[in-house]
Amino acid sequence: ISPLYWGFCIGLTAAIDLYGVQRARAEVGYEFPGDLGFDPLNLYPSDMEGQDRMQLAEIKHGRIAMVAVLAFALQEYIGKEGLIDEAPFFFFPITQTLKAFLEGVVASN
């Protein structure tokens, strides 16, 4: 992957973070990091109890995702085989995966 891509990713991340810092300093109603007011489907609850539940769920899901990434890294380190080689069906288009699966089912019958 090109270093320009990683530079772009880091720059975009920094810009989003700096926007949040600037907004937190300027606005009184800015309550927590990540509150950028983006909710096009209006899924964020309006009551305080629902908001607390949603925020807790987001934190829990983020932590579970971090543990999953760590587990993938450990699996690759211990098994000496990359995830892409071990489970290639995750990295191909779904049509290609289903075609190979169905061909295997038909061939076994």
N, C-alpha and C. Protein backbone atom coordinates (compact mmCIF):
# COMPACT_ATOMS: atom_id res chain seq x y z
N ILE A 1 0.86 -1.18 0.00
CA ILE A 1 0.00 0.00 0.00
C ILE A 1 0.90 1.23 0.00
N SER A 2 0.50 2.20 -0.75
CA SER A 2 1.29 3.42 -0.91
C SER A 2 1.38 4.21 0.40
N PRO A 3 2.53 4.78 0.69
CA PRO A 3 2.66 5.65 1.87
C PRO A 3 1.75 6.87 1.78
N LEU A 4 1.39 7.28 0.57
CA LEU A 4 0.46 8.40 0.42
C LEU A 4 -0.90 8.05 1.02
N TYR A 5 -1.32 6.80 0.85
CA TYR A 5 -2.59 6.36 1.42
C TYR A 5 -2.56 6.49 2.94
N TRP A 6 -1.49 6.01 3.57
CA TRP A 6 -1.39 6.08 5.02
C TRP A 6 -1.29 7.53 5.49
N GLY A 7 -0.59 8.36 4.72
CA GLY A 7 -0.54 9.79 5.06
C GLY A 7 -1.92 10.42 5.00
N PHE A 8 -2.70 10.04 3.98
CA PHE A 8 -4.06 10.55 3.87
C PHE A 8 -4.91 10.08 5.06
N CYS A 9 -4.79 8.81 5.43
CA CYS A 9 -5.57 8.27 6.55
C CYS A 9 -5.24 9.00 7.85
N ILE A 10 -3.95 9.18 8.11
CA ILE A 10 -3.54 9.86 9.33
C ILE A 10 -3.99 11.32 9.31
N GLY A 11 -3.86 11.97 8.15
CA GLY A 11 -4.30 13.36 8.03
C GLY A 11 -5.79 13.52 8.24
N LEU A 12 -6.59 12.62 7.67
CA LEU A 12 -8.04 12.68 7.84
C LEU A 12 -8.42 12.44 9.30
N THR A 13 -7.77 11.48 9.93
CA THR A 13 -8.03 11.19 11.33
C THR A 13 -7.69 12.40 12.20
N ALA A 14 -6.56 13.02 11.93
CA ALA A 14 -6.16 14.20 12.69
C ALA A 14 -7.14 15.35 12.48
N ALA A 15 -7.61 15.52 11.25
CA ALA A 15 -8.57 16.59 10.97
C ALA A 15 -9.88 16.38 11.73
N ILE A 16 -10.37 15.15 11.75
CA ILE A 16 -11.60 14.85 12.48
C ILE A 16 -11.39 15.09 13.97
N ASP A 17 -10.26 14.66 14.50
CA ASP A 17 -9.97 14.85 15.91
C ASP A 17 -9.84 16.33 16.26
N LEU A 18 -9.15 17.08 15.45
CA LEU A 18 -9.00 18.51 15.71
C LEU A 18 -10.33 19.24 15.60
N TYR A 19 -11.19 18.82 14.70
CA TYR A 19 -12.54 19.39 14.60
C TYR A 19 -13.30 19.16 15.90
N GLY A 20 -13.21 17.95 16.45
CA GLY A 20 -13.88 17.65 17.71
C GLY A 20 -13.33 18.48 18.86
N VAL A 21 -12.02 18.65 18.91
CA VAL A 21 -11.41 19.47 19.98
C VAL A 21 -11.87 20.91 19.85
N GLN A 22 -11.86 21.43 18.62
CA GLN A 22 -12.29 22.81 18.40
C GLN A 22 -13.76 22.98 18.80
N ARG A 23 -14.58 22.03 18.44
CA ARG A 23 -16.01 22.12 18.78
C ARG A 23 -16.23 22.01 20.28
N ALA A 24 -15.45 21.18 20.96
CA ALA A 24 -15.59 21.04 22.40
C ALA A 24 -15.24 22.33 23.12
N ARG A 25 -14.27 23.05 22.62
CA ARG A 25 -13.86 24.31 23.25
C ARG A 25 -14.83 25.45 22.95
N ALA A 26 -15.48 25.40 21.79
CA ALA A 26 -16.30 26.51 21.36
C ALA A 26 -17.77 26.39 21.80
N GLU A 27 -18.31 25.18 21.86
CA GLU A 27 -19.73 24.99 22.12
C GLU A 27 -19.99 24.56 23.55
N VAL A 28 -21.10 25.05 24.08
CA VAL A 28 -21.49 24.68 25.43
C VAL A 28 -22.21 23.33 25.44
N GLY A 29 -23.00 23.02 24.40
CA GLY A 29 -23.78 21.79 24.36
C GLY A 29 -23.02 20.56 23.92
N TYR A 30 -21.74 20.71 23.65
CA TYR A 30 -20.93 19.56 23.21
C TYR A 30 -20.59 18.74 24.44
N GLU A 31 -21.16 17.52 24.54
CA GLU A 31 -21.07 16.76 25.78
C GLU A 31 -19.97 15.72 25.82
N PHE A 32 -19.68 15.05 24.72
CA PHE A 32 -18.71 13.97 24.76
C PHE A 32 -18.01 13.85 23.42
N PRO A 33 -16.80 13.27 23.41
CA PRO A 33 -16.07 13.10 22.15
C PRO A 33 -16.86 12.24 21.17
N GLY A 34 -16.83 12.62 19.92
CA GLY A 34 -17.54 11.87 18.90
C GLY A 34 -18.94 12.40 18.64
N ASP A 35 -19.39 13.36 19.43
CA ASP A 35 -20.71 13.94 19.23
C ASP A 35 -20.62 15.00 18.15
N LEU A 36 -20.69 14.55 16.90
CA LEU A 36 -20.58 15.47 15.77
C LEU A 36 -21.95 15.77 15.17
N GLY A 37 -23.00 15.28 15.80
CA GLY A 37 -24.35 15.57 15.33
C GLY A 37 -24.74 14.83 14.07
N PHE A 38 -24.04 13.78 13.72
CA PHE A 38 -24.32 13.02 12.50
C PHE A 38 -25.19 11.82 12.85
N ASP A 39 -26.48 11.90 12.57
CA ASP A 39 -27.42 10.81 12.79
C ASP A 39 -28.52 10.89 11.74
N PRO A 40 -28.18 10.57 10.47
CA PRO A 40 -29.16 10.75 9.39
C PRO A 40 -30.39 9.85 9.51
N LEU A 41 -30.29 8.72 10.19
CA LEU A 41 -31.44 7.82 10.33
C LEU A 41 -32.19 8.05 11.64
N ASN A 42 -31.72 9.02 12.42
CA ASN A 42 -32.35 9.38 13.70
C ASN A 42 -32.46 8.17 14.63
N LEU A 43 -31.37 7.44 14.78
CA LEU A 43 -31.35 6.24 15.61
C LEU A 43 -30.98 6.53 17.06
N TYR A 44 -30.39 7.69 17.32
CA TYR A 44 -29.96 8.02 18.68
C TYR A 44 -31.18 8.38 19.51
N PRO A 45 -31.39 7.71 20.64
CA PRO A 45 -32.59 7.96 21.45
C PRO A 45 -32.64 9.40 21.98
N SER A 46 -33.83 9.88 22.20
CA SER A 46 -33.99 11.24 22.72
C SER A 46 -34.00 11.28 24.24
N ASP A 47 -34.37 10.17 24.89
CA ASP A 47 -34.39 10.15 26.35
C ASP A 47 -33.00 9.84 26.91
N MET A 48 -32.72 10.34 28.10
CA MET A 48 -31.39 10.21 28.70
C MET A 48 -31.02 8.74 28.98
N GLU A 49 -31.98 7.95 29.42
CA GLU A 49 -31.70 6.54 29.70
C GLU A 49 -31.31 5.78 28.43
N GLY A 50 -32.02 6.06 27.34
CA GLY A 50 -31.69 5.44 26.06
C GLY A 50 -30.33 5.88 25.54
N GLN A 51 -29.99 7.15 25.74
CA GLN A 51 -28.69 7.65 25.31
C GLN A 51 -27.56 6.98 26.09
N ASP A 52 -27.76 6.85 27.41
CA ASP A 52 -26.75 6.17 28.23
C ASP A 52 -26.57 4.72 27.80
N ARG A 53 -27.67 4.05 27.51
CA ARG A 53 -27.62 2.65 27.07
C ARG A 53 -26.89 2.53 25.73
N MET A 54 -27.19 3.46 24.81
CA MET A 54 -26.56 3.44 23.49
C MET A 54 -25.06 3.70 23.60
N GLN A 55 -24.66 4.65 24.45
CA GLN A 55 -23.24 4.95 24.63
C GLN A 55 -22.51 3.77 25.25
N LEU A 56 -23.13 3.12 26.23
CA LEU A 56 -22.51 1.94 26.84
C LEU A 56 -22.36 0.81 25.83
N ALA A 57 -23.39 0.61 25.01
CA ALA A 57 -23.32 -0.44 23.98
C ALA A 57 -22.21 -0.14 22.99
N GLU A 58 -22.04 1.13 22.62
CA GLU A 58 -20.98 1.49 21.68
C GLU A 58 -19.60 1.21 22.27
N ILE A 59 -19.42 1.52 23.53
CA ILE A 59 -18.14 1.26 24.18
C ILE A 59 -17.88 -0.25 24.24
N LYS A 60 -18.90 -1.01 24.62
CA LYS A 60 -18.73 -2.47 24.70
C LYS A 60 -18.41 -3.08 23.34
N HIS A 61 -19.11 -2.64 22.30
CA HIS A 61 -18.86 -3.18 20.97
C HIS A 61 -17.46 -2.81 20.49
N GLY A 62 -17.01 -1.61 20.81
CA GLY A 62 -15.65 -1.21 20.44
C GLY A 62 -14.60 -2.06 21.14
N ARG A 63 -14.83 -2.36 22.40
CA ARG A 63 -13.87 -3.19 23.14
C ARG A 63 -13.85 -4.62 22.61
N ILE A 64 -15.02 -5.15 22.29
CA ILE A 64 -15.08 -6.50 21.73
C ILE A 64 -14.36 -6.55 20.38
N ALA A 65 -14.52 -5.49 19.58
CA ALA A 65 -13.83 -5.44 18.29
C ALA A 65 -12.32 -5.41 18.48
N MET A 66 -11.84 -4.66 19.49
CA MET A 66 -10.39 -4.62 19.75
C MET A 66 -9.87 -5.98 20.19
N VAL A 67 -10.64 -6.70 21.01
CA VAL A 67 -10.24 -8.03 21.43
C VAL A 67 -10.21 -8.98 20.23
N ALA A 68 -11.17 -8.83 19.32
CA ALA A 68 -11.21 -9.69 18.13
C ALA A 68 -9.98 -9.45 17.25
N VAL A 69 -9.59 -8.20 17.07
CA VAL A 69 -8.40 -7.91 16.27
C VAL A 69 -7.16 -8.48 16.94
N LEU A 70 -7.08 -8.38 18.27
CA LEU A 70 -5.96 -8.97 19.00
C LEU A 70 -5.95 -10.49 18.81
N ALA A 71 -7.13 -11.11 18.86
CA ALA A 71 -7.21 -12.56 18.67
C ALA A 71 -6.75 -12.96 17.28
N PHE A 72 -7.11 -12.18 16.25
CA PHE A 72 -6.64 -12.47 14.90
C PHE A 72 -5.12 -12.38 14.82
N ALA A 73 -4.56 -11.34 15.44
CA ALA A 73 -3.10 -11.17 15.42
C ALA A 73 -2.41 -12.32 16.14
N LEU A 74 -2.94 -12.73 17.30
CA LEU A 74 -2.35 -13.85 18.03
C LEU A 74 -2.48 -15.15 17.24
N GLN A 75 -3.61 -15.35 16.61
CA GLN A 75 -3.82 -16.55 15.80
C GLN A 75 -2.79 -16.61 14.68
N GLU A 76 -2.54 -15.49 14.02
CA GLU A 76 -1.56 -15.48 12.94
C GLU A 76 -0.15 -15.70 13.49
N TYR A 77 0.15 -15.14 14.65
CA TYR A 77 1.49 -15.29 15.23
C TYR A 77 1.74 -16.72 15.68
N ILE A 78 0.77 -17.31 16.37
CA ILE A 78 0.94 -18.66 16.90
C ILE A 78 0.87 -19.70 15.79
N GLY A 79 -0.07 -19.55 14.88
CA GLY A 79 -0.27 -20.55 13.83
C GLY A 79 0.66 -20.39 12.65
N LYS A 80 1.36 -19.27 12.56
CA LYS A 80 2.28 -18.99 11.45
C LYS A 80 1.58 -19.03 10.09
N GLU A 81 0.27 -18.80 10.09
CA GLU A 81 -0.50 -18.76 8.85
C GLU A 81 -1.43 -17.55 8.92
N GLY A 82 -1.43 -16.74 7.88
CA GLY A 82 -2.24 -15.53 7.87
C GLY A 82 -3.73 -15.83 7.81
N LEU A 83 -4.50 -14.91 8.31
CA LEU A 83 -5.95 -15.07 8.30
C LEU A 83 -6.49 -15.19 6.88
N ILE A 84 -5.90 -14.46 5.96
CA ILE A 84 -6.34 -14.52 4.56
C ILE A 84 -6.14 -15.92 3.99
N ASP A 85 -5.06 -16.59 4.40
CA ASP A 85 -4.81 -17.95 3.92
C ASP A 85 -5.69 -18.97 4.63
N GLU A 86 -6.03 -18.71 5.88
CA GLU A 86 -6.80 -19.66 6.67
C GLU A 86 -8.30 -19.58 6.38
N ALA A 87 -8.80 -18.38 6.14
CA ALA A 87 -10.23 -18.20 5.87
C ALA A 87 -10.41 -17.30 4.64
N PRO A 88 -10.04 -17.79 3.47
CA PRO A 88 -10.06 -16.93 2.28
C PRO A 88 -11.47 -16.50 1.85
N PHE A 89 -12.50 -17.24 2.29
CA PHE A 89 -13.85 -16.90 1.86
C PHE A 89 -14.30 -15.55 2.39
N PHE A 90 -13.63 -15.01 3.42
CA PHE A 90 -13.97 -13.68 3.92
C PHE A 90 -13.45 -12.57 3.00
N PHE A 91 -12.53 -12.89 2.13
CA PHE A 91 -11.82 -11.87 1.37
C PHE A 91 -12.12 -11.91 -0.13
N PHE A 92 -13.15 -12.63 -0.51
CA PHE A 92 -13.58 -12.68 -1.90
C PHE A 92 -15.02 -12.17 -1.98
N PRO A 93 -15.46 -11.77 -3.16
CA PRO A 93 -16.86 -11.35 -3.30
C PRO A 93 -17.81 -12.49 -2.92
N ILE A 94 -18.94 -12.14 -2.35
CA ILE A 94 -19.89 -13.15 -1.86
C ILE A 94 -20.38 -14.05 -2.99
N THR A 95 -20.47 -13.52 -4.21
CA THR A 95 -20.91 -14.35 -5.33
C THR A 95 -19.90 -15.46 -5.62
N GLN A 96 -18.63 -15.13 -5.55
CA GLN A 96 -17.59 -16.13 -5.79
C GLN A 96 -17.59 -17.19 -4.68
N THR A 97 -17.78 -16.74 -3.45
CA THR A 97 -17.82 -17.68 -2.32
C THR A 97 -19.02 -18.61 -2.42
N LEU A 98 -20.20 -18.06 -2.73
CA LEU A 98 -21.39 -18.90 -2.86
C LEU A 98 -21.28 -19.87 -4.03
N LYS A 99 -20.68 -19.43 -5.12
CA LYS A 99 -20.51 -20.30 -6.28
C LYS A 99 -19.64 -21.50 -5.92
N ALA A 100 -18.51 -21.24 -5.23
CA ALA A 100 -17.62 -22.33 -4.82
C ALA A 100 -18.32 -23.26 -3.83
N PHE A 101 -19.11 -22.70 -2.92
CA PHE A 101 -19.84 -23.51 -1.95
C PHE A 101 -20.86 -24.40 -2.65
N LEU A 102 -21.64 -23.81 -3.56
CA LEU A 102 -22.66 -24.59 -4.25
C LEU A 102 -22.06 -25.66 -5.16
N GLU A 103 -20.94 -25.36 -5.79
CA GLU A 103 -20.27 -26.37 -6.60
C GLU A 103 -19.79 -27.53 -5.73
N GLY A 104 -19.35 -27.24 -4.52
CA GLY A 104 -18.95 -28.30 -3.60
C GLY A 104 -20.13 -29.14 -3.15
N VAL A 105 -21.28 -28.51 -2.94
CA VAL A 105 -22.48 -29.24 -2.54
C VAL A 105 -22.95 -30.13 -3.67
N VAL A 106 -22.96 -29.61 -4.89
CA VAL A 106 -23.41 -30.40 -6.04
C VAL A 106 -22.45 -31.55 -6.30
N ALA A 107 -21.16 -31.31 -6.17
CA ALA A 107 -20.16 -32.36 -6.43
C ALA A 107 -20.24 -33.47 -5.40
N SER A 108 -20.67 -33.17 -4.17
CA SER A 108 -20.73 -34.20 -3.13
C SER A 108 -21.97 -35.08 -3.27
N ASN A 109 -22.94 -34.64 -4.02
CA ASN A 109 -24.18 -35.43 -4.20
C ASN A 109 -24.10 -36.34 -5.36
